[in-house]
Amino acid sequence: MTLYLRHYWKDERLSFPSTSNKSMTFDGRLVKKIWVPDVFFVHSKRSFTHDTTTENIMLRVFPDGHVLYSMR
């Protein structure tokens, strides 16, 4: 089974002034440098993330500090 997990939160520390950019998109390298909420599944017996050659992570930051984090 393939699962797409998406988080959406606001971190005002990541806000930036912009008149032309609606958002900035980053790969998984930036995720290691910023705060990301912990996720857990209630009543889960077992879960894991597959090891892949490249991380399937996308991070999009909006000028007001909203963050969209997507992992496959």
C-alpha atoms as a PDB file:
ATOM      1  CA  MET A   1       0.000   0.000   0.000  1.00  0.00           C
ATOM      2  CA  THR A   2       1.270   3.476  -0.837  1.00  0.00           C
ATOM      3  CA  LEU A   3       0.433   6.307   1.510  1.00  0.00           C
ATOM      4  CA  TYR A   4       0.841  10.016   0.927  1.00  0.00           C
ATOM      5  CA  LEU A   5       1.179  11.873   4.189  1.00  0.00           C
ATOM      6  CA  ARG A   6       0.641  15.612   4.121  1.00  0.00           C
ATOM      7  CA  HIS A   7       1.128  18.051   6.994  1.00  0.00           C
ATOM      8  CA  TYR A   8       0.065  21.667   6.924  1.00  0.00           C
ATOM      9  CA  TRP A   9       1.045  24.081   9.693  1.00  0.00           C
ATOM     10  CA  LYS A  10       2.181  27.647  10.255  1.00  0.00           C
ATOM     11  CA  ASP A  11       5.657  28.570  11.464  1.00  0.00           C
ATOM     12  CA  GLU A  12       6.095  32.328  11.417  1.00  0.00           C
ATOM     13  CA  ARG A  13       9.875  31.903  11.668  1.00  0.00           C
ATOM     14  CA  LEU A  14       9.809  30.697   8.038  1.00  0.00           C
ATOM     15  CA  SER A  15       7.826  33.660   6.687  1.00  0.00           C
ATOM     16  CA  PHE A  16       9.525  35.795   4.052  1.00  0.00           C
ATOM     17  CA  PRO A  17       8.718  39.025   2.210  1.00  0.00           C
ATOM     18  CA  SER A  18       7.577  38.401  -1.339  1.00  0.00           C
ATOM     19  CA  THR A  19       5.677  40.203  -4.047  1.00  0.00           C
ATOM     20  CA  SER A  20       6.247  37.729  -6.883  1.00  0.00           C
ATOM     21  CA  ASN A  21       6.667  34.274  -5.266  1.00  0.00           C
ATOM     22  CA  LYS A  22       3.502  32.529  -4.146  1.00  0.00           C
ATOM     23  CA  SER A  23       5.600  29.825  -2.478  1.00  0.00           C
ATOM     24  CA  MET A  24       9.047  28.235  -2.422  1.00  0.00           C
ATOM     25  CA  THR A  25       9.504  24.481  -2.845  1.00  0.00           C
ATOM     26  CA  PHE A  26      12.355  22.500  -1.310  1.00  0.00           C
ATOM     27  CA  ASP A  27      13.474  18.885  -1.251  1.00  0.00           C
ATOM     28  CA  GLY A  28      14.031  16.692   1.789  1.00  0.00           C
ATOM     29  CA  ARG A  29      17.389  18.208   2.747  1.00  0.00           C
ATOM     30  CA  LEU A  30      15.725  21.234   4.347  1.00  0.00           C
ATOM     31  CA  VAL A  31      13.381  19.052   6.414  1.00  0.00           C
ATOM     32  CA  LYS A  32      16.344  17.997   8.565  1.00  0.00           C
ATOM     33  CA  LYS A  33      16.999  21.649   9.446  1.00  0.00           C
ATOM     34  CA  ILE A  34      13.525  22.849  10.464  1.00  0.00           C
ATOM     35  CA  TRP A  35      10.954  21.817  13.053  1.00  0.00           C
ATOM     36  CA  VAL A  36       8.439  19.254  11.801  1.00  0.00           C
ATOM     37  CA  PRO A  37       5.532  18.002  13.965  1.00  0.00           C
ATOM     38  CA  ASP A  38       5.719  14.426  15.218  1.00  0.00           C
ATOM     39  CA  VAL A  39       3.176  12.083  13.665  1.00  0.00           C
ATOM     40  CA  PHE A  40       1.873   8.845  15.085  1.00  0.00           C
ATOM     41  CA  PHE A  41      -0.975   6.499  14.295  1.00  0.00           C
ATOM     42  CA  VAL A  42      -3.151   5.549  17.239  1.00  0.00           C
ATOM     43  CA  HIS A  43      -3.457   1.776  17.799  1.00  0.00           C
ATOM     44  CA  SER A  44      -0.779   1.042  15.205  1.00  0.00           C
ATOM     45  CA  LYS A  45       0.861  -2.339  15.643  1.00  0.00           C
ATOM     46  CA  ARG A  46       3.756  -1.670  13.292  1.00  0.00           C
ATOM     47  CA  SER A  47       4.836   1.009  10.866  1.00  0.00           C
ATOM     48  CA  PHE A  48       7.983   1.928   8.974  1.00  0.00           C
ATOM     49  CA  THR A  49       9.254   4.091   6.159  1.00  0.00           C
ATOM     50  CA  HIS A  50      10.817   2.331   3.193  1.00  0.00           C
ATOM     51  CA  ASP A  51      14.444   3.046   2.453  1.00  0.00           C
ATOM     52  CA  THR A  52      14.735   4.569  -0.996  1.00  0.00           C
ATOM     53  CA  THR A  53      17.625   5.935  -3.033  1.00  0.00           C
ATOM     54  CA  THR A  54      16.078   9.398  -2.920  1.00  0.00           C
ATOM     55  CA  GLU A  55      13.757  10.761  -0.288  1.00  0.00           C
ATOM     56  CA  ASN A  56      10.156  11.199  -1.405  1.00  0.00           C
ATOM     57  CA  ILE A  57       9.698  14.426   0.538  1.00  0.00           C
ATOM     58  CA  MET A  58       8.461  17.796  -0.668  1.00  0.00           C
ATOM     59  CA  LEU A  59       8.389  20.944   1.422  1.00  0.00           C
ATOM     60  CA  ARG A  60       6.578  24.070   0.271  1.00  0.00           C
ATOM     61  CA  VAL A  61       6.840  27.303   2.266  1.00  0.00           C
ATOM     62  CA  PHE A  62       4.451  30.195   1.709  1.00  0.00           C
ATOM     63  CA  PRO A  63       5.316  33.862   2.382  1.00  0.00           C
ATOM     64  CA  ASP A  64       3.078  34.051   5.477  1.00  0.00           C
ATOM     65  CA  GLY A  65       4.885  31.100   7.103  1.00  0.00           C
ATOM     66  CA  HIS A  66       2.451  28.318   6.214  1.00  0.00           C
ATOM     67  CA  VAL A  67       4.268  25.067   5.468  1.00  0.00           C
ATOM     68  CA  LEU A  68       3.066  22.143   3.364  1.00  0.00           C
ATOM     69  CA  TYR A  69       5.042  18.942   3.965  1.00  0.00           C
ATOM     70  CA  SER A  70       4.355  15.915   1.797  1.00  0.00           C
ATOM     71  CA  MET A  71       5.911  12.465   2.093  1.00  0.00           C
ATOM     72  CA  ARG A  72       5.246   9.368   0.016  1.00  0.00           C
END
